Amino acid sequence: TLVDRKHGKAAVSNFETVERFRDFSLVRIRPETGRTHQVRVHCAETGYPIAVDPLYGDGKPVLLSQIKRKWKGDEFEERPLLARTGLHAERLAFTHPAGGRKMDLTASLPKDMSALLAQLRKI
């Protein structure tokens, strides 16, 4: 829980490390509150910003050459493994505001994130 005592509101996020790699981790985060940018802020404030986060991290894309230290490719032609903020909502559960129906939605990991994980698991 982090609070900007002067301007902020309390926000709570629960973290679970799923897998660790040399420079990256796969983390499951369950926010208890729904503040703007909550997960991104909490990750950055604990010293572990989300990959490719341009606002709270360095915003730099994840390249294969970062993961495979002996990679010998053309640095000018290298395409990013992940070029967007590395944040994915695996599951959302809520009560629909227009009818009160309970909604529980799941989404598989996108292809770019799956490809990055596959490369990380090889090292």
N, C-alpha and C. Protein backbone atom coordinates (compact mmCIF):
# COMPACT_ATOMS: atom_id res chain seq x y z
N THR A 1 0.85 -1.18 0.00
CA THR A 1 0.00 0.00 0.00
C THR A 1 0.89 1.24 0.00
N LEU A 2 0.62 2.13 -0.92
CA LEU A 2 1.37 3.39 -1.02
C LEU A 2 0.37 4.53 -1.05
N VAL A 3 0.66 5.58 -0.34
CA VAL A 3 -0.24 6.73 -0.32
C VAL A 3 0.58 8.01 -0.40
N ASP A 4 0.20 8.86 -1.33
CA ASP A 4 0.72 10.23 -1.34
C ASP A 4 -0.09 10.94 -0.27
N ARG A 5 0.49 11.11 0.88
CA ARG A 5 -0.23 11.61 2.05
C ARG A 5 -0.88 12.98 1.83
N LYS A 6 -0.33 13.76 0.92
CA LYS A 6 -0.88 15.09 0.70
C LYS A 6 -2.04 15.09 -0.30
N HIS A 7 -1.88 14.34 -1.42
CA HIS A 7 -2.87 14.39 -2.49
C HIS A 7 -3.52 13.05 -2.81
N GLY A 8 -2.96 11.96 -2.32
CA GLY A 8 -3.39 10.65 -2.78
C GLY A 8 -4.46 9.98 -1.95
N LYS A 9 -4.97 8.89 -2.52
CA LYS A 9 -5.94 8.03 -1.84
C LYS A 9 -5.28 6.68 -1.64
N ALA A 10 -5.70 5.97 -0.63
CA ALA A 10 -5.13 4.65 -0.36
C ALA A 10 -5.40 3.71 -1.54
N ALA A 11 -4.43 2.86 -1.84
CA ALA A 11 -4.56 1.87 -2.90
C ALA A 11 -3.82 0.61 -2.45
N VAL A 12 -4.42 -0.54 -2.68
CA VAL A 12 -3.83 -1.81 -2.25
C VAL A 12 -3.73 -2.75 -3.45
N SER A 13 -2.55 -3.33 -3.65
CA SER A 13 -2.31 -4.34 -4.68
C SER A 13 -1.60 -5.52 -4.04
N ASN A 14 -2.03 -6.73 -4.35
CA ASN A 14 -1.38 -7.95 -3.85
C ASN A 14 -0.54 -8.54 -4.97
N PHE A 15 0.73 -8.82 -4.66
CA PHE A 15 1.68 -9.32 -5.65
C PHE A 15 2.04 -10.78 -5.38
N GLU A 16 2.15 -11.57 -6.46
CA GLU A 16 2.62 -12.95 -6.37
C GLU A 16 3.61 -13.16 -7.52
N THR A 17 4.85 -13.52 -7.19
CA THR A 17 5.83 -13.80 -8.23
C THR A 17 5.58 -15.20 -8.76
N VAL A 18 5.32 -15.30 -10.06
CA VAL A 18 5.02 -16.57 -10.71
C VAL A 18 6.31 -17.21 -11.22
N GLU A 19 7.16 -16.43 -11.89
CA GLU A 19 8.45 -16.91 -12.41
C GLU A 19 9.46 -15.78 -12.32
N ARG A 20 10.72 -16.16 -12.06
CA ARG A 20 11.82 -15.19 -12.03
C ARG A 20 12.81 -15.52 -13.15
N PHE A 21 13.30 -14.47 -13.77
CA PHE A 21 14.32 -14.60 -14.80
C PHE A 21 15.45 -13.64 -14.43
N ARG A 22 16.50 -13.59 -15.23
CA ARG A 22 17.65 -12.76 -14.88
C ARG A 22 17.27 -11.29 -14.67
N ASP A 23 16.63 -10.69 -15.64
CA ASP A 23 16.30 -9.26 -15.54
C ASP A 23 14.80 -8.98 -15.51
N PHE A 24 14.01 -10.04 -15.51
CA PHE A 24 12.56 -9.88 -15.58
C PHE A 24 11.89 -10.85 -14.63
N SER A 25 10.64 -10.57 -14.30
CA SER A 25 9.81 -11.49 -13.50
C SER A 25 8.40 -11.48 -14.08
N LEU A 26 7.75 -12.62 -13.99
CA LEU A 26 6.33 -12.72 -14.32
C LEU A 26 5.60 -12.64 -12.99
N VAL A 27 4.75 -11.64 -12.85
CA VAL A 27 4.09 -11.37 -11.57
C VAL A 27 2.58 -11.33 -11.77
N ARG A 28 1.87 -11.97 -10.86
CA ARG A 28 0.41 -11.88 -10.83
C ARG A 28 0.06 -10.83 -9.79
N ILE A 29 -0.74 -9.87 -10.19
CA ILE A 29 -1.10 -8.76 -9.31
C ILE A 29 -2.62 -8.70 -9.19
N ARG A 30 -3.07 -8.62 -7.96
CA ARG A 30 -4.51 -8.51 -7.71
C ARG A 30 -4.77 -7.18 -6.99
N PRO A 31 -5.24 -6.19 -7.73
CA PRO A 31 -5.55 -4.92 -7.08
C PRO A 31 -6.84 -5.03 -6.26
N GLU A 32 -6.80 -4.55 -5.04
CA GLU A 32 -8.00 -4.54 -4.20
C GLU A 32 -8.79 -3.25 -4.41
N THR A 33 -8.11 -2.22 -4.85
CA THR A 33 -8.76 -0.94 -5.15
C THR A 33 -8.56 -0.67 -6.63
N GLY A 34 -9.23 0.27 -7.17
CA GLY A 34 -9.16 0.53 -8.60
C GLY A 34 -8.73 1.93 -8.95
N ARG A 35 -7.58 2.32 -8.47
CA ARG A 35 -7.08 3.66 -8.75
C ARG A 35 -6.43 3.72 -10.13
N THR A 36 -6.44 4.90 -10.73
CA THR A 36 -5.80 5.10 -12.02
C THR A 36 -4.32 4.75 -11.94
N HIS A 37 -3.86 3.92 -12.85
CA HIS A 37 -2.45 3.52 -12.95
C HIS A 37 -1.95 2.80 -11.70
N GLN A 38 -2.84 2.30 -10.88
CA GLN A 38 -2.46 1.71 -9.59
C GLN A 38 -1.38 0.65 -9.71
N VAL A 39 -1.57 -0.32 -10.57
CA VAL A 39 -0.59 -1.42 -10.70
C VAL A 39 0.74 -0.87 -11.19
N ARG A 40 0.70 0.00 -12.16
CA ARG A 40 1.92 0.57 -12.71
C ARG A 40 2.69 1.38 -11.66
N VAL A 41 1.97 2.17 -10.89
CA VAL A 41 2.61 2.97 -9.84
C VAL A 41 3.20 2.07 -8.77
N HIS A 42 2.45 1.08 -8.31
CA HIS A 42 2.95 0.20 -7.26
C HIS A 42 4.19 -0.56 -7.71
N CYS A 43 4.20 -1.04 -8.94
CA CYS A 43 5.39 -1.74 -9.44
C CYS A 43 6.60 -0.80 -9.48
N ALA A 44 6.41 0.37 -10.01
CA ALA A 44 7.52 1.33 -10.11
C ALA A 44 8.02 1.76 -8.73
N GLU A 45 7.11 2.00 -7.81
CA GLU A 45 7.49 2.46 -6.47
C GLU A 45 8.24 1.40 -5.67
N THR A 46 8.03 0.14 -5.99
CA THR A 46 8.75 -0.92 -5.29
C THR A 46 10.08 -1.23 -5.98
N GLY A 47 10.39 -0.51 -7.07
CA GLY A 47 11.66 -0.70 -7.76
C GLY A 47 11.61 -1.70 -8.89
N TYR A 48 10.43 -2.17 -9.24
CA TYR A 48 10.27 -3.15 -10.31
C TYR A 48 9.23 -2.67 -11.31
N PRO A 49 9.58 -1.67 -12.13
CA PRO A 49 8.60 -1.14 -13.08
C PRO A 49 8.22 -2.19 -14.13
N ILE A 50 7.05 -2.03 -14.68
CA ILE A 50 6.57 -2.92 -15.73
C ILE A 50 7.40 -2.66 -16.98
N ALA A 51 7.77 -3.74 -17.67
CA ALA A 51 8.56 -3.63 -18.89
C ALA A 51 7.87 -2.71 -19.89
N VAL A 52 8.65 -1.86 -20.51
CA VAL A 52 8.23 -0.96 -21.58
C VAL A 52 7.20 0.08 -21.13
N ASP A 53 7.11 0.35 -19.85
CA ASP A 53 6.17 1.35 -19.36
C ASP A 53 6.77 2.74 -19.59
N PRO A 54 6.20 3.53 -20.52
CA PRO A 54 6.79 4.83 -20.83
C PRO A 54 6.56 5.89 -19.76
N LEU A 55 5.60 5.69 -18.89
CA LEU A 55 5.29 6.69 -17.88
C LEU A 55 6.00 6.44 -16.56
N TYR A 56 6.04 5.19 -16.11
CA TYR A 56 6.61 4.86 -14.80
C TYR A 56 7.89 4.03 -14.90
N GLY A 57 8.29 3.66 -16.10
CA GLY A 57 9.52 2.91 -16.32
C GLY A 57 10.36 3.65 -17.35
N ASP A 58 11.25 2.91 -18.02
CA ASP A 58 12.10 3.59 -19.01
C ASP A 58 11.48 3.61 -20.40
N GLY A 59 10.43 2.83 -20.63
CA GLY A 59 9.73 2.85 -21.91
C GLY A 59 10.46 2.18 -23.05
N LYS A 60 11.64 1.63 -22.79
CA LYS A 60 12.42 1.01 -23.86
C LYS A 60 11.86 -0.37 -24.18
N PRO A 61 11.77 -0.72 -25.48
CA PRO A 61 11.27 -2.04 -25.85
C PRO A 61 12.22 -3.14 -25.38
N VAL A 62 11.69 -4.33 -25.21
CA VAL A 62 12.50 -5.48 -24.81
C VAL A 62 13.03 -6.13 -26.09
N LEU A 63 14.34 -6.25 -26.18
CA LEU A 63 15.00 -6.81 -27.36
C LEU A 63 15.58 -8.18 -27.06
N LEU A 64 15.67 -9.02 -28.07
CA LEU A 64 16.26 -10.34 -27.91
C LEU A 64 17.71 -10.22 -27.44
N SER A 65 18.42 -9.20 -27.90
CA SER A 65 19.82 -9.01 -27.51
C SER A 65 19.97 -8.72 -26.01
N GLN A 66 18.91 -8.24 -25.36
CA GLN A 66 18.95 -8.04 -23.91
C GLN A 66 18.89 -9.37 -23.17
N ILE A 67 18.19 -10.31 -23.75
CA ILE A 67 17.94 -11.60 -23.10
C ILE A 67 19.05 -12.58 -23.41
N LYS A 68 19.41 -12.67 -24.69
CA LYS A 68 20.48 -13.57 -25.13
C LYS A 68 21.74 -12.75 -25.30
N ARG A 69 22.58 -12.79 -24.30
CA ARG A 69 23.78 -11.93 -24.30
C ARG A 69 24.71 -12.23 -25.47
N LYS A 70 24.69 -13.46 -25.98
CA LYS A 70 25.59 -13.82 -27.08
C LYS A 70 24.92 -13.67 -28.44
N TRP A 71 23.76 -13.07 -28.47
CA TRP A 71 23.02 -12.89 -29.72
C TRP A 71 23.84 -12.03 -30.67
N LYS A 72 23.98 -12.52 -31.89
CA LYS A 72 24.77 -11.81 -32.91
C LYS A 72 23.86 -11.46 -34.08
N GLY A 73 23.18 -10.37 -33.97
CA GLY A 73 22.33 -9.92 -35.07
C GLY A 73 22.64 -8.48 -35.39
N ASP A 74 21.97 -7.98 -36.38
CA ASP A 74 22.16 -6.59 -36.77
C ASP A 74 21.35 -5.71 -35.84
N GLU A 75 22.02 -4.90 -35.04
CA GLU A 75 21.33 -4.06 -34.05
C GLU A 75 20.36 -3.07 -34.69
N PHE A 76 20.60 -2.73 -35.95
CA PHE A 76 19.71 -1.78 -36.63
C PHE A 76 18.48 -2.47 -37.21
N GLU A 77 18.51 -3.79 -37.31
CA GLU A 77 17.39 -4.54 -37.87
C GLU A 77 16.64 -5.32 -36.80
N GLU A 78 17.12 -5.28 -35.58
CA GLU A 78 16.49 -6.06 -34.51
C GLU A 78 15.09 -5.53 -34.21
N ARG A 79 14.13 -6.44 -34.22
CA ARG A 79 12.75 -6.07 -33.89
C ARG A 79 12.49 -6.40 -32.43
N PRO A 80 11.76 -5.55 -31.74
CA PRO A 80 11.48 -5.80 -30.32
C PRO A 80 10.64 -7.06 -30.10
N LEU A 81 10.95 -7.77 -29.02
CA LEU A 81 10.09 -8.87 -28.59
C LEU A 81 8.82 -8.30 -27.96
N LEU A 82 8.98 -7.20 -27.25
CA LEU A 82 7.84 -6.52 -26.64
C LEU A 82 8.04 -5.02 -26.82
N ALA A 83 7.09 -4.38 -27.50
CA ALA A 83 7.24 -2.96 -27.81
C ALA A 83 6.17 -2.10 -27.14
N ARG A 84 5.40 -2.70 -26.25
CA ARG A 84 4.33 -1.97 -25.56
C ARG A 84 4.40 -2.29 -24.08
N THR A 85 3.67 -1.55 -23.29
CA THR A 85 3.67 -1.78 -21.85
C THR A 85 3.30 -3.23 -21.56
N GLY A 86 4.13 -3.91 -20.80
CA GLY A 86 3.96 -5.34 -20.53
C GLY A 86 2.95 -5.62 -19.44
N LEU A 87 1.73 -5.21 -19.67
CA LEU A 87 0.67 -5.37 -18.69
C LEU A 87 -0.50 -6.08 -19.36
N HIS A 88 -1.02 -7.12 -18.72
CA HIS A 88 -2.11 -7.90 -19.31
C HIS A 88 -3.12 -8.26 -18.23
N ALA A 89 -4.40 -8.04 -18.51
CA ALA A 89 -5.47 -8.44 -17.59
C ALA A 89 -5.90 -9.86 -17.94
N GLU A 90 -5.43 -10.81 -17.15
CA GLU A 90 -5.75 -12.22 -17.38
C GLU A 90 -7.22 -12.50 -17.03
N ARG A 91 -7.70 -11.84 -15.98
CA ARG A 91 -9.07 -12.09 -15.51
C ARG A 91 -9.66 -10.80 -14.94
N LEU A 92 -10.91 -10.55 -15.31
CA LEU A 92 -11.66 -9.43 -14.75
C LEU A 92 -13.00 -9.97 -14.26
N ALA A 93 -13.33 -9.67 -13.03
CA ALA A 93 -14.62 -10.08 -12.46
C ALA A 93 -15.29 -8.84 -11.88
N PHE A 94 -16.55 -8.64 -12.24
CA PHE A 94 -17.27 -7.46 -11.77
C PHE A 94 -18.77 -7.68 -11.93
N THR A 95 -19.53 -6.81 -11.33
CA THR A 95 -20.98 -6.82 -11.49
C THR A 95 -21.34 -5.80 -12.57
N HIS A 96 -22.06 -6.25 -13.59
CA HIS A 96 -22.43 -5.37 -14.70
C HIS A 96 -23.32 -4.24 -14.19
N PRO A 97 -22.96 -2.99 -14.50
CA PRO A 97 -23.71 -1.86 -13.95
C PRO A 97 -25.14 -1.72 -14.50
N ALA A 98 -25.41 -2.30 -15.67
CA ALA A 98 -26.72 -2.11 -16.28
C ALA A 98 -27.72 -3.23 -15.96
N GLY A 99 -27.33 -4.21 -15.21
CA GLY A 99 -28.29 -5.28 -14.93
C GLY A 99 -27.96 -6.06 -13.68
N GLY A 100 -26.82 -5.76 -13.11
CA GLY A 100 -26.43 -6.42 -11.89
C GLY A 100 -25.90 -7.83 -12.07
N ARG A 101 -25.75 -8.25 -13.33
CA ARG A 101 -25.25 -9.60 -13.60
C ARG A 101 -23.76 -9.70 -13.28
N LYS A 102 -23.36 -10.80 -12.65
CA LYS A 102 -21.94 -11.00 -12.34
C LYS A 102 -21.22 -11.43 -13.62
N MET A 103 -20.14 -10.74 -13.91
CA MET A 103 -19.34 -11.01 -15.10
C MET A 103 -17.97 -11.54 -14.65
N ASP A 104 -17.47 -12.55 -15.35
CA ASP A 104 -16.15 -13.11 -15.06
C ASP A 104 -15.50 -13.41 -16.40
N LEU A 105 -14.57 -12.58 -16.80
CA LEU A 105 -13.95 -12.66 -18.11
C LEU A 105 -12.48 -13.06 -17.99
N THR A 106 -12.02 -13.91 -18.89
CA THR A 106 -10.60 -14.28 -18.92
C THR A 106 -10.05 -14.06 -20.32
N ALA A 107 -8.75 -13.82 -20.39
CA ALA A 107 -8.08 -13.61 -21.67
C ALA A 107 -6.70 -14.25 -21.62
N SER A 108 -6.37 -14.99 -22.67
CA SER A 108 -5.05 -15.61 -22.77
C SER A 108 -3.98 -14.54 -22.94
N LEU A 109 -2.76 -14.93 -22.65
CA LEU A 109 -1.63 -14.02 -22.84
C LEU A 109 -1.50 -13.70 -24.33
N PRO A 110 -1.32 -12.44 -24.70
CA PRO A 110 -1.14 -12.08 -26.11
C PRO A 110 0.13 -12.71 -26.70
N LYS A 111 0.16 -12.80 -28.02
CA LYS A 111 1.28 -13.46 -28.71
C LYS A 111 2.63 -12.84 -28.38
N ASP A 112 2.70 -11.50 -28.32
CA ASP A 112 4.00 -10.87 -28.06
C ASP A 112 4.52 -11.23 -26.66
N MET A 113 3.63 -11.28 -25.69
CA MET A 113 4.05 -11.64 -24.33
C MET A 113 4.40 -13.12 -24.24
N SER A 114 3.64 -13.96 -24.94
CA SER A 114 3.96 -15.40 -24.96
C SER A 114 5.32 -15.64 -25.58
N ALA A 115 5.62 -14.92 -26.66
CA ALA A 115 6.93 -15.06 -27.32
C ALA A 115 8.06 -14.61 -26.40
N LEU A 116 7.85 -13.52 -25.69
CA LEU A 116 8.86 -13.03 -24.74
C LEU A 116 9.08 -14.06 -23.64
N LEU A 117 8.01 -14.60 -23.08
CA LEU A 117 8.15 -15.62 -22.03
C LEU A 117 8.89 -16.85 -22.54
N ALA A 118 8.59 -17.26 -23.76
CA ALA A 118 9.28 -18.42 -24.34
C ALA A 118 10.78 -18.17 -24.42
N GLN A 119 11.18 -16.97 -24.82
CA GLN A 119 12.61 -16.64 -24.89
C GLN A 119 13.23 -16.58 -23.50
N LEU A 120 12.53 -16.01 -22.54
CA LEU A 120 13.05 -15.93 -21.18
C LEU A 120 13.23 -17.31 -20.57
N ARG A 121 12.34 -18.23 -20.88
CA ARG A 121 12.42 -19.59 -20.33
C ARG A 121 13.57 -20.39 -20.93
N LYS A 122 14.11 -19.96 -22.05
CA LYS A 122 15.23 -20.66 -22.69
C LYS A 122 16.56 -20.38 -22.01
N ILE A 123 16.65 -19.28 -21.26
CA ILE A 123 17.95 -18.92 -20.69
C ILE A 123 18.15 -19.55 -19.32
